C-alpha atoms as a PDB file:
ATOM      1  CA  MET A   1     -46.505  35.949 131.188  1.00  0.00           C
ATOM      2  CA  SER A   2     -44.625  33.570 128.943  1.00  0.00           C
ATOM      3  CA  ALA A   3     -40.936  32.920 129.521  1.00  0.00           C
ATOM      4  CA  SER A   4     -40.082  34.648 126.236  1.00  0.00           C
ATOM      5  CA  LEU A   5     -41.240  37.976 127.695  1.00  0.00           C
ATOM      6  CA  HIS A   6     -38.861  37.813 130.642  1.00  0.00           C
ATOM      7  CA  GLU A   7     -35.522  39.522 130.332  1.00  0.00           C
ATOM      8  CA  GLU A   8     -32.431  37.361 130.791  1.00  0.00           C
ATOM      9  CA  PRO A   9     -31.012  38.234 134.221  1.00  0.00           C
ATOM     10  CA  GLY A  10     -28.561  41.114 134.130  1.00  0.00           C
ATOM     11  CA  GLY A  11     -29.264  42.331 130.586  1.00  0.00           C
ATOM     12  CA  THR A  12     -30.242  45.856 131.561  1.00  0.00           C
ATOM     13  CA  ALA A  13     -27.361  46.118 134.033  1.00  0.00           C
ATOM     14  CA  LEU A  14     -24.970  44.836 131.354  1.00  0.00           C
ATOM     15  CA  VAL A  15     -25.991  47.551 128.867  1.00  0.00           C
ATOM     16  CA  GLU A  16     -25.914  50.206 131.597  1.00  0.00           C
ATOM     17  CA  GLU A  17     -22.360  49.153 132.474  1.00  0.00           C
ATOM     18  CA  LEU A  18     -21.321  49.174 128.802  1.00  0.00           C
ATOM     19  CA  SER A  19     -22.760  52.665 128.366  1.00  0.00           C
ATOM     20  CA  SER A  20     -20.982  53.901 131.502  1.00  0.00           C
ATOM     21  CA  ARG A  21     -17.636  52.493 130.397  1.00  0.00           C
ATOM     22  CA  PHE A  22     -17.851  54.030 126.921  1.00  0.00           C
ATOM     23  CA  LEU A  23     -18.982  57.410 128.305  1.00  0.00           C
ATOM     24  CA  VAL A  24     -15.902  57.654 130.569  1.00  0.00           C
ATOM     25  CA  GLY A  25     -13.541  56.479 127.815  1.00  0.00           C
ATOM     26  CA  ASP A  26     -12.876  52.988 129.244  1.00  0.00           C
ATOM     27  CA  ARG A  27     -12.653  51.222 125.874  1.00  0.00           C
ATOM     28  CA  GLU A  28     -10.866  48.131 127.234  1.00  0.00           C
ATOM     29  CA  GLY A  29     -13.449  47.738 129.959  1.00  0.00           C
ATOM     30  CA  ALA A  30     -16.243  48.179 127.434  1.00  0.00           C
ATOM     31  CA  PHE A  31     -14.789  45.601 125.035  1.00  0.00           C
ATOM     32  CA  ALA A  32     -14.566  43.114 127.919  1.00  0.00           C
ATOM     33  CA  LEU A  33     -18.390  43.089 127.950  1.00  0.00           C
ATOM     34  CA  PHE A  34     -18.649  41.846 124.341  1.00  0.00           C
ATOM     35  CA  ASP A  35     -18.720  38.239 123.227  1.00  0.00           C
ATOM     36  CA  PRO A  36     -15.571  37.731 121.087  1.00  0.00           C
ATOM     37  CA  ASP A  37     -17.744  37.036 118.035  1.00  0.00           C
ATOM     38  CA  PHE A  38     -20.346  39.768 118.612  1.00  0.00           C
ATOM     39  CA  ARG A  39     -21.691  41.738 115.682  1.00  0.00           C
ATOM     40  CA  ILE A  40     -23.071  45.221 115.205  1.00  0.00           C
ATOM     41  CA  GLU A  41     -25.266  46.555 112.411  1.00  0.00           C
ATOM     42  CA  GLN A  42     -25.499  50.175 111.289  1.00  0.00           C
ATOM     43  CA  PRO A  43     -27.787  51.486 108.505  1.00  0.00           C
ATOM     44  CA  THR A  44     -26.168  50.806 105.139  1.00  0.00           C
ATOM     45  CA  SER A  45     -26.893  54.367 104.009  1.00  0.00           C
ATOM     46  CA  LEU A  46     -24.198  55.650 106.388  1.00  0.00           C
ATOM     47  CA  PRO A  47     -20.467  55.554 105.511  1.00  0.00           C
ATOM     48  CA  HIS A  48     -19.824  53.171 108.411  1.00  0.00           C
ATOM     49  CA  GLY A  49     -22.945  51.101 107.702  1.00  0.00           C
ATOM     50  CA  GLY A  50     -23.436  47.375 107.368  1.00  0.00           C
ATOM     51  CA  TRP A  51     -22.618  44.442 109.601  1.00  0.00           C
ATOM     52  CA  HIS A  52     -19.337  44.445 111.562  1.00  0.00           C
ATOM     53  CA  ARG A  53     -18.068  41.430 113.504  1.00  0.00           C
ATOM     54  CA  GLY A  54     -15.864  41.273 116.591  1.00  0.00           C
ATOM     55  CA  ARG A  55     -13.568  43.868 118.043  1.00  0.00           C
ATOM     56  CA  ALA A  56     -11.708  44.427 114.759  1.00  0.00           C
ATOM     57  CA  GLY A  57     -14.980  45.044 112.937  1.00  0.00           C
ATOM     58  CA  MET A  58     -16.205  47.484 115.560  1.00  0.00           C
ATOM     59  CA  GLU A  59     -12.888  49.346 115.599  1.00  0.00           C
ATOM     60  CA  SER A  60     -12.911  49.581 111.788  1.00  0.00           C
ATOM     61  CA  MET A  61     -16.503  50.848 111.890  1.00  0.00           C
ATOM     62  CA  GLY A  62     -15.532  53.414 114.533  1.00  0.00           C
ATOM     63  CA  ALA A  63     -12.550  54.592 112.493  1.00  0.00           C
ATOM     64  CA  THR A  64     -14.747  55.112 109.434  1.00  0.00           C
ATOM     65  CA  PHE A  65     -17.283  56.996 111.551  1.00  0.00           C
ATOM     66  CA  ALA A  66     -14.517  59.201 113.000  1.00  0.00           C
ATOM     67  CA  GLU A  67     -13.347  60.164 109.498  1.00  0.00           C
ATOM     68  CA  HIS A  68     -16.677  61.938 109.073  1.00  0.00           C
ATOM     69  CA  TRP A  69     -18.097  62.966 112.466  1.00  0.00           C
ATOM     70  CA  ASP A  70     -17.523  63.759 116.107  1.00  0.00           C
ATOM     71  CA  ARG A  71     -20.416  62.747 118.345  1.00  0.00           C
ATOM     72  CA  THR A  72     -21.900  63.532 121.724  1.00  0.00           C
ATOM     73  CA  ILE A  73     -24.333  61.138 123.363  1.00  0.00           C
ATOM     74  CA  THR A  74     -26.795  62.261 126.021  1.00  0.00           C
ATOM     75  CA  ASN A  75     -29.837  61.120 127.913  1.00  0.00           C
ATOM     76  CA  PRO A  76     -29.453  57.316 127.704  1.00  0.00           C
ATOM     77  CA  ARG A  77     -32.677  55.467 128.468  1.00  0.00           C
ATOM     78  CA  ILE A  78     -32.226  51.717 128.907  1.00  0.00           C
ATOM     79  CA  MET A  79     -35.082  49.209 129.150  1.00  0.00           C
ATOM     80  CA  GLY A  80     -35.269  45.440 129.225  1.00  0.00           C
ATOM     81  CA  CYS A  81     -37.604  43.936 126.616  1.00  0.00           C
ATOM     82  CA  GLY A  82     -37.527  40.173 126.886  1.00  0.00           C
ATOM     83  CA  GLU A  83     -34.257  38.780 125.596  1.00  0.00           C
ATOM     84  CA  VAL A  84     -33.364  42.174 124.112  1.00  0.00           C
ATOM     85  CA  VAL A  85     -32.323  45.364 125.873  1.00  0.00           C
ATOM     86  CA  LEU A  86     -33.346  48.657 124.287  1.00  0.00           C
ATOM     87  CA  GLN A  87     -31.284  51.830 124.603  1.00  0.00           C
ATOM     88  CA  VAL A  88     -32.486  55.188 123.319  1.00  0.00           C
ATOM     89  CA  THR A  89     -30.033  58.087 123.284  1.00  0.00           C
ATOM     90  CA  THR A  90     -30.000  61.599 121.914  1.00  0.00           C
ATOM     91  CA  GLN A  91     -26.929  62.068 119.724  1.00  0.00           C
ATOM     92  CA  THR A  92     -25.419  65.131 118.107  1.00  0.00           C
ATOM     93  CA  TRP A  93     -23.159  64.396 115.156  1.00  0.00           C
ATOM     94  CA  THR A  94     -20.819  67.170 113.993  1.00  0.00           C
ATOM     95  CA  ALA A  95     -19.236  66.747 110.570  1.00  0.00           C
ATOM     96  CA  ARG A  96     -15.466  67.181 110.637  1.00  0.00           C
ATOM     97  CA  ALA A  97     -15.305  68.604 107.107  1.00  0.00           C
ATOM     98  CA  THR A  98     -18.136  71.148 107.350  1.00  0.00           C
ATOM     99  CA  GLY A  99     -18.619  71.801 111.065  1.00  0.00           C
ATOM    100  CA  ARG A 100     -22.350  71.303 110.549  1.00  0.00           C
ATOM    101  CA  ALA A 101     -24.197  69.420 113.280  1.00  0.00           C
ATOM    102  CA  ALA A 102     -27.429  67.473 113.565  1.00  0.00           C
ATOM    103  CA  THR A 103     -29.175  65.960 116.561  1.00  0.00           C
ATOM    104  CA  THR A 104     -31.331  62.844 116.393  1.00  0.00           C
ATOM    105  CA  ASP A 105     -32.499  60.036 118.608  1.00  0.00           C
ATOM    106  CA  VAL A 106     -30.831  56.652 118.182  1.00  0.00           C
ATOM    107  CA  VAL A 107     -32.383  53.323 119.158  1.00  0.00           C
ATOM    108  CA  GLU A 108     -30.115  50.363 119.802  1.00  0.00           C
ATOM    109  CA  LEU A 109     -31.258  46.787 120.305  1.00  0.00           C
ATOM    110  CA  PHE A 110     -28.813  44.714 122.357  1.00  0.00           C
ATOM    111  CA  SER A 111     -28.843  40.919 122.413  1.00  0.00           C
ATOM    112  CA  HIS A 112     -26.895  39.153 125.132  1.00  0.00           C
ATOM    113  CA  SER A 113     -26.050  35.708 126.392  1.00  0.00           C
ATOM    114  CA  GLY A 114     -23.942  34.389 129.243  1.00  0.00           C
ATOM    115  CA  GLY A 115     -23.344  37.872 130.627  1.00  0.00           C
ATOM    116  CA  LEU A 116     -21.888  39.231 127.366  1.00  0.00           C
ATOM    117  CA  ILE A 117     -23.307  41.323 124.550  1.00  0.00           C
ATOM    118  CA  THR A 118     -23.662  39.274 121.371  1.00  0.00           C
ATOM    119  CA  GLU A 119     -25.298  41.734 118.955  1.00  0.00           C
ATOM    120  CA  ILE A 120     -26.228  45.389 118.577  1.00  0.00           C
ATOM    121  CA  ARG A 121     -28.586  46.699 115.908  1.00  0.00           C
ATOM    122  CA  VAL A 122     -28.525  50.501 115.572  1.00  0.00           C
ATOM    123  CA  PHE A 123     -31.359  52.648 114.217  1.00  0.00           C
ATOM    124  CA  GLN A 124     -30.735  56.387 113.801  1.00  0.00           C
ATOM    125  CA  GLN A 125     -34.019  58.285 113.592  1.00  0.00           C
ATOM    126  CA  ASP A 126     -33.000  60.367 110.550  1.00  0.00           C
ATOM    127  CA  THR A 127     -29.998  59.212 108.523  1.00  0.00           C
ATOM    128  CA  HIS A 128     -30.765  61.786 105.797  1.00  0.00           C
ATOM    129  CA  LEU A 129     -30.381  64.582 108.360  1.00  0.00           C
ATOM    130  CA  LEU A 130     -27.071  63.121 109.542  1.00  0.00           C
ATOM    131  CA  LEU A 131     -25.754  62.715 105.993  1.00  0.00           C
ATOM    132  CA  SER A 132     -26.751  66.293 105.167  1.00  0.00           C
ATOM    133  CA  THR A 133     -24.099  67.526 107.621  1.00  0.00           C
ATOM    134  CA  LEU A 134     -21.446  66.201 105.219  1.00  0.00           C
ATOM    135  CA  ASP A 135     -22.714  68.240 102.257  1.00  0.00           C
ATOM    136  CA  GLU A 136     -20.951  71.466 101.433  1.00  0.00           C
ATOM    137  CA  GLU A 137     -23.511  74.231 101.066  1.00  0.00           C
END
């Protein structure tokens, strides 16, 4: 196997720890696992979409998300794939305005370096389904 197929040591454990901290509400502990200049990308079709940089960017993205939805995350599956760690979760998004909910799988690709997360790219399986929860019937 070539070196490029080997996961950087600790990548899977790093994402598992991040997931655990967020799930128990330890935001400060979770943010300690991010590189100060990390970035996160969400699909641009979503209200909170686009690239967001650093803690301020992630908090702004989260605030925009929270204007529209509440979310539950279940069944995290985390796998190392070379220099990237893959997390697949099942998420239910409930629209605050309509009360309508939708459940979809979400794939996240985590890049990391020096024991910190440097980038997350997020891929919701069906953004149209999620956006439909915002529509008044």
